[in-house]
Amino acid sequence: MTTSNQDDPIFWNQRFTRFFRPAYREVELLQMKINQQNGLLIFKWHKYTVEELINSEHHNKIESVSRKIGDDVSNLYKRGVIPEEYKETYEEYKNDLLDDLHEVNKQIYARKPTWLESAWETFRNFVEVVRENMPRLVRNLIEQAGVFIINYLPGIAFFGSLLLPPARAQNQDWDEQ
């Protein structure tokens, strides 16, 4: 039961363009977030981390929209409303969307850190090397002092917390003893 409109390729191209518009909007929003920064001069940092961008709600929305359109097309095809050739057109639209999303993900991973982020990472790596190479007794003393610093001297706590291992690592150290 197809009408003459539904046999027209322009009709289905317009429909698919309209169906995929929200997903493409999410790709654009995600792309706009890649290089957003806070700060001033050399004291700038990216507003969103790589992990935040990769795990953002935009990816979920894109997947959700694509899955919904796929379900709709599949149901229309099974009912005979969509011919096989237009189902393939849907696949082309979906693949184009996934290619665009893949390009955005590559941009996210290829993003260069700001000067401040680079300096901070270098500092964190230095602290990690120092922590790994210091004797166990000194490390225990620093950890004990670090707990004091974090609890009682909040202004210094930020730097003192760098010397402390993450909570999970502390628990593993206690399990080893």
C-alpha atoms as a PDB file:
ATOM      1  CA  MET A   1       0.000   0.000   0.000  1.00  0.00           C
ATOM      2  CA  THR A   2       2.427   2.617  -1.145  1.00  0.00           C
ATOM      3  CA  THR A   3       1.503   6.006  -2.446  1.00  0.00           C
ATOM      4  CA  SER A   4       3.225   7.735  -5.317  1.00  0.00           C
ATOM      5  CA  ASN A   5       5.035   9.994  -2.809  1.00  0.00           C
ATOM      6  CA  GLN A   6       6.629   7.007  -1.102  1.00  0.00           C
ATOM      7  CA  ASP A   7       8.022   5.692  -4.390  1.00  0.00           C
ATOM      8  CA  ASP A   8       9.910   8.945  -4.939  1.00  0.00           C
ATOM      9  CA  PRO A   9      13.585   8.892  -3.864  1.00  0.00           C
ATOM     10  CA  ILE A  10      13.455  12.614  -3.053  1.00  0.00           C
ATOM     11  CA  PHE A  11      10.650  11.895  -0.558  1.00  0.00           C
ATOM     12  CA  TRP A  12      12.777   9.355   1.349  1.00  0.00           C
ATOM     13  CA  ASN A  13      15.941  11.475   1.181  1.00  0.00           C
ATOM     14  CA  GLN A  14      14.028  14.385   2.729  1.00  0.00           C
ATOM     15  CA  ARG A  15      12.560  12.109   5.388  1.00  0.00           C
ATOM     16  CA  PHE A  16      15.940  10.604   6.312  1.00  0.00           C
ATOM     17  CA  THR A  17      17.536  14.048   6.382  1.00  0.00           C
ATOM     18  CA  ARG A  18      14.848  15.217   8.791  1.00  0.00           C
ATOM     19  CA  PHE A  19      15.072  12.019  10.889  1.00  0.00           C
ATOM     20  CA  PHE A  20      18.842  12.299  11.289  1.00  0.00           C
ATOM     21  CA  ARG A  21      18.883  16.053  11.959  1.00  0.00           C
ATOM     22  CA  PRO A  22      18.806  15.673  15.802  1.00  0.00           C
ATOM     23  CA  ALA A  23      21.732  13.234  15.679  1.00  0.00           C
ATOM     24  CA  TYR A  24      23.781  15.587  13.495  1.00  0.00           C
ATOM     25  CA  ARG A  25      22.960  18.417  15.896  1.00  0.00           C
ATOM     26  CA  GLU A  26      24.405  16.357  18.742  1.00  0.00           C
ATOM     27  CA  VAL A  27      27.567  15.711  16.696  1.00  0.00           C
ATOM     28  CA  GLU A  28      27.912  19.480  16.151  1.00  0.00           C
ATOM     29  CA  LEU A  29      27.378  20.217  19.861  1.00  0.00           C
ATOM     30  CA  LEU A  30      30.009  17.651  20.782  1.00  0.00           C
ATOM     31  CA  GLN A  31      32.428  19.110  18.246  1.00  0.00           C
ATOM     32  CA  MET A  32      31.906  22.613  19.654  1.00  0.00           C
ATOM     33  CA  LYS A  33      32.865  21.375  23.144  1.00  0.00           C
ATOM     34  CA  ILE A  34      36.228  19.935  22.061  1.00  0.00           C
ATOM     35  CA  ASN A  35      38.261  23.137  22.253  1.00  0.00           C
ATOM     36  CA  GLN A  36      36.290  25.149  24.807  1.00  0.00           C
ATOM     37  CA  GLN A  37      38.667  26.546  27.415  1.00  0.00           C
ATOM     38  CA  ASN A  38      38.579  28.358  30.738  1.00  0.00           C
ATOM     39  CA  GLY A  39      41.239  30.667  32.104  1.00  0.00           C
ATOM     40  CA  LEU A  40      43.406  33.510  30.907  1.00  0.00           C
ATOM     41  CA  LEU A  41      46.613  33.799  28.847  1.00  0.00           C
ATOM     42  CA  ILE A  42      48.837  30.792  29.598  1.00  0.00           C
ATOM     43  CA  PHE A  43      46.638  29.764  32.522  1.00  0.00           C
ATOM     44  CA  LYS A  44      44.013  28.126  30.324  1.00  0.00           C
ATOM     45  CA  TRP A  45      42.630  24.630  30.597  1.00  0.00           C
ATOM     46  CA  HIS A  46      40.059  22.726  28.595  1.00  0.00           C
ATOM     47  CA  LYS A  47      36.565  22.967  29.978  1.00  0.00           C
ATOM     48  CA  TYR A  48      35.926  19.266  29.267  1.00  0.00           C
ATOM     49  CA  THR A  49      38.373  16.409  29.696  1.00  0.00           C
ATOM     50  CA  VAL A  50      38.795  13.798  26.992  1.00  0.00           C
ATOM     51  CA  GLU A  51      36.946  11.285  29.184  1.00  0.00           C
ATOM     52  CA  GLU A  52      34.042  13.683  29.721  1.00  0.00           C
ATOM     53  CA  LEU A  53      33.734  14.249  25.984  1.00  0.00           C
ATOM     54  CA  ILE A  54      33.928  10.566  25.065  1.00  0.00           C
ATOM     55  CA  ASN A  55      31.437   9.572  27.787  1.00  0.00           C
ATOM     56  CA  SER A  56      29.146  12.554  27.205  1.00  0.00           C
ATOM     57  CA  GLU A  57      25.392  12.420  26.816  1.00  0.00           C
ATOM     58  CA  HIS A  58      25.833  13.396  23.162  1.00  0.00           C
ATOM     59  CA  HIS A  59      27.099   9.918  22.297  1.00  0.00           C
ATOM     60  CA  ASN A  60      24.089   8.352  24.014  1.00  0.00           C
ATOM     61  CA  LYS A  61      21.654  10.631  22.185  1.00  0.00           C
ATOM     62  CA  ILE A  62      23.266   9.920  18.814  1.00  0.00           C
ATOM     63  CA  GLU A  63      23.090   6.183  19.417  1.00  0.00           C
ATOM     64  CA  SER A  64      19.513   6.448  20.651  1.00  0.00           C
ATOM     65  CA  VAL A  65      18.329   8.474  17.648  1.00  0.00           C
ATOM     66  CA  SER A  66      20.108   6.156  15.223  1.00  0.00           C
ATOM     67  CA  ARG A  67      18.634   3.056  16.875  1.00  0.00           C
ATOM     68  CA  LYS A  68      15.119   4.570  16.875  1.00  0.00           C
ATOM     69  CA  ILE A  69      15.337   5.453  13.195  1.00  0.00           C
ATOM     70  CA  GLY A  70      16.671   1.962  12.443  1.00  0.00           C
ATOM     71  CA  ASP A  71      13.742   0.371  14.273  1.00  0.00           C
ATOM     72  CA  ASP A  72      11.273   2.579  12.417  1.00  0.00           C
ATOM     73  CA  VAL A  73      12.815   1.803   9.030  1.00  0.00           C
ATOM     74  CA  SER A  74      12.881  -1.908   9.816  1.00  0.00           C
ATOM     75  CA  ASN A  75       9.198  -1.864  10.804  1.00  0.00           C
ATOM     76  CA  LEU A  76       8.242   0.129   7.698  1.00  0.00           C
ATOM     77  CA  TYR A  77      10.213  -2.286   5.508  1.00  0.00           C
ATOM     78  CA  LYS A  78       8.519  -5.318   7.076  1.00  0.00           C
ATOM     79  CA  ARG A  79       5.102  -3.747   6.434  1.00  0.00           C
ATOM     80  CA  GLY A  80       6.053  -3.082   2.820  1.00  0.00           C
ATOM     81  CA  VAL A  81       5.934   0.706   3.113  1.00  0.00           C
ATOM     82  CA  ILE A  82       9.643   1.155   2.317  1.00  0.00           C
ATOM     83  CA  PRO A  83      11.194  -0.567  -0.702  1.00  0.00           C
ATOM     84  CA  GLU A  84      14.577  -2.301  -0.329  1.00  0.00           C
ATOM     85  CA  GLU A  85      16.492   0.480  -2.113  1.00  0.00           C
ATOM     86  CA  TYR A  86      15.379   3.080   0.444  1.00  0.00           C
ATOM     87  CA  LYS A  87      16.340   0.810   3.290  1.00  0.00           C
ATOM     88  CA  GLU A  88      19.829   0.916   1.767  1.00  0.00           C
ATOM     89  CA  THR A  89      19.535   4.727   1.644  1.00  0.00           C
ATOM     90  CA  TYR A  90      18.918   4.642   5.399  1.00  0.00           C
ATOM     91  CA  GLU A  91      22.082   2.561   5.832  1.00  0.00           C
ATOM     92  CA  GLU A  92      24.050   5.182   3.876  1.00  0.00           C
ATOM     93  CA  TYR A  93      22.710   7.975   6.105  1.00  0.00           C
ATOM     94  CA  LYS A  94      23.537   5.963   9.216  1.00  0.00           C
ATOM     95  CA  ASN A  95      27.065   5.201   7.995  1.00  0.00           C
ATOM     96  CA  ASP A  96      27.623   8.890   7.177  1.00  0.00           C
ATOM     97  CA  LEU A  97      26.540   9.801  10.708  1.00  0.00           C
ATOM     98  CA  LEU A  98      28.848   7.196  12.237  1.00  0.00           C
ATOM     99  CA  ASP A  99      31.729   8.431  10.049  1.00  0.00           C
ATOM    100  CA  ASP A 100      31.142  11.997  11.283  1.00  0.00           C
ATOM    101  CA  LEU A 101      31.042  10.791  14.873  1.00  0.00           C
ATOM    102  CA  HIS A 102      34.261   8.835  14.332  1.00  0.00           C
ATOM    103  CA  GLU A 103      35.947  11.988  12.983  1.00  0.00           C
ATOM    104  CA  VAL A 104      34.814  13.965  16.039  1.00  0.00           C
ATOM    105  CA  ASN A 105      36.178  11.236  18.322  1.00  0.00           C
ATOM    106  CA  LYS A 106      39.514  11.412  16.498  1.00  0.00           C
ATOM    107  CA  GLN A 107      39.535  15.192  17.037  1.00  0.00           C
ATOM    108  CA  ILE A 108      38.874  14.650  20.740  1.00  0.00           C
ATOM    109  CA  TYR A 109      41.802  12.257  21.131  1.00  0.00           C
ATOM    110  CA  ALA A 110      44.095  14.420  18.965  1.00  0.00           C
ATOM    111  CA  ARG A 111      43.361  17.584  20.951  1.00  0.00           C
ATOM    112  CA  LYS A 112      46.546  19.248  22.146  1.00  0.00           C
ATOM    113  CA  PRO A 113      46.736  20.073  25.860  1.00  0.00           C
ATOM    114  CA  THR A 114      47.046  23.685  26.942  1.00  0.00           C
ATOM    115  CA  TRP A 115      50.298  24.937  28.477  1.00  0.00           C
ATOM    116  CA  LEU A 116      48.817  24.672  31.969  1.00  0.00           C
ATOM    117  CA  GLU A 117      47.584  21.118  31.370  1.00  0.00           C
ATOM    118  CA  SER A 118      51.027  20.114  30.058  1.00  0.00           C
ATOM    119  CA  ALA A 119      52.779  21.694  33.047  1.00  0.00           C
ATOM    120  CA  TRP A 120      50.346  20.065  35.454  1.00  0.00           C
ATOM    121  CA  GLU A 121      50.838  16.631  33.851  1.00  0.00           C
ATOM    122  CA  THR A 122      54.616  17.030  34.056  1.00  0.00           C
ATOM    123  CA  PHE A 123      54.316  17.939  37.731  1.00  0.00           C
ATOM    124  CA  ARG A 124      52.060  14.950  38.429  1.00  0.00           C
ATOM    125  CA  ASN A 125      54.494  12.612  36.639  1.00  0.00           C
ATOM    126  CA  PHE A 126      57.394  14.029  38.661  1.00  0.00           C
ATOM    127  CA  VAL A 127      55.534  13.508  41.937  1.00  0.00           C
ATOM    128  CA  GLU A 128      54.651   9.953  40.885  1.00  0.00           C
ATOM    129  CA  VAL A 129      58.315   9.133  40.111  1.00  0.00           C
ATOM    130  CA  VAL A 130      59.408  10.591  43.451  1.00  0.00           C
ATOM    131  CA  ARG A 131      56.732   8.608  45.304  1.00  0.00           C
ATOM    132  CA  GLU A 132      57.692   5.360  43.565  1.00  0.00           C
ATOM    133  CA  ASN A 133      61.390   5.785  44.294  1.00  0.00           C
ATOM    134  CA  MET A 134      61.290   6.835  47.934  1.00  0.00           C
ATOM    135  CA  PRO A 135      61.809   4.305  50.726  1.00  0.00           C
ATOM    136  CA  ARG A 136      58.715   2.670  52.192  1.00  0.00           C
ATOM    137  CA  LEU A 137      59.181   4.263  55.639  1.00  0.00           C
ATOM    138  CA  VAL A 138      59.378   7.778  54.215  1.00  0.00           C
ATOM    139  CA  ARG A 139      56.351   7.075  52.027  1.00  0.00           C
ATOM    140  CA  ASN A 140      54.370   5.940  55.096  1.00  0.00           C
ATOM    141  CA  LEU A 141      55.382   9.078  56.986  1.00  0.00           C
ATOM    142  CA  ILE A 142      54.328  11.298  54.079  1.00  0.00           C
ATOM    143  CA  GLU A 143      51.028   9.469  53.830  1.00  0.00           C
ATOM    144  CA  GLN A 144      50.409   9.992  57.553  1.00  0.00           C
ATOM    145  CA  ALA A 145      51.367  13.660  57.269  1.00  0.00           C
ATOM    146  CA  GLY A 146      49.231  13.943  54.169  1.00  0.00           C
ATOM    147  CA  VAL A 147      46.164  12.795  56.081  1.00  0.00           C
ATOM    148  CA  PHE A 148      46.911  15.524  58.628  1.00  0.00           C
ATOM    149  CA  ILE A 149      47.400  18.107  55.876  1.00  0.00           C
ATOM    150  CA  ILE A 150      44.179  17.188  54.142  1.00  0.00           C
ATOM    151  CA  ASN A 151      42.181  17.226  57.370  1.00  0.00           C
ATOM    152  CA  TYR A 152      43.618  20.307  59.083  1.00  0.00           C
ATOM    153  CA  LEU A 153      45.345  22.527  56.538  1.00  0.00           C
ATOM    154  CA  PRO A 154      42.934  22.909  53.625  1.00  0.00           C
ATOM    155  CA  GLY A 155      45.032  25.542  51.829  1.00  0.00           C
ATOM    156  CA  ILE A 156      47.902  23.075  51.404  1.00  0.00           C
ATOM    157  CA  ALA A 157      45.681  20.038  50.979  1.00  0.00           C
ATOM    158  CA  PHE A 158      45.590  20.403  47.219  1.00  0.00           C
ATOM    159  CA  PHE A 159      49.349  19.839  46.880  1.00  0.00           C
ATOM    160  CA  GLY A 160      49.554  17.386  49.762  1.00  0.00           C
ATOM    161  CA  SER A 161      46.922  15.188  48.152  1.00  0.00           C
ATOM    162  CA  LEU A 162      49.254  14.718  45.180  1.00  0.00           C
ATOM    163  CA  LEU A 163      51.722  12.870  47.363  1.00  0.00           C
ATOM    164  CA  LEU A 164      49.082  10.495  48.648  1.00  0.00           C
ATOM    165  CA  PRO A 165      48.178   7.479  46.554  1.00  0.00           C
ATOM    166  CA  PRO A 166      44.538   7.094  45.522  1.00  0.00           C
ATOM    167  CA  ALA A 167      42.273   5.514  48.145  1.00  0.00           C
ATOM    168  CA  ARG A 168      42.257   2.175  46.287  1.00  0.00           C
ATOM    169  CA  ALA A 169      46.085   2.056  46.309  1.00  0.00           C
ATOM    170  CA  GLN A 170      46.132   2.804  50.059  1.00  0.00           C
ATOM    171  CA  ASN A 171      43.816  -0.149  50.696  1.00  0.00           C
ATOM    172  CA  GLN A 172      46.029  -2.438  48.594  1.00  0.00           C
ATOM    173  CA  ASP A 173      49.108  -1.339  50.589  1.00  0.00           C
ATOM    174  CA  TRP A 174      47.365  -2.254  53.841  1.00  0.00           C
ATOM    175  CA  ASP A 175      46.344  -5.627  52.410  1.00  0.00           C
ATOM    176  CA  GLU A 176      49.969  -6.391  51.496  1.00  0.00           C
ATOM    177  CA  GLN A 177      51.222  -5.778  55.056  1.00  0.00           C
END
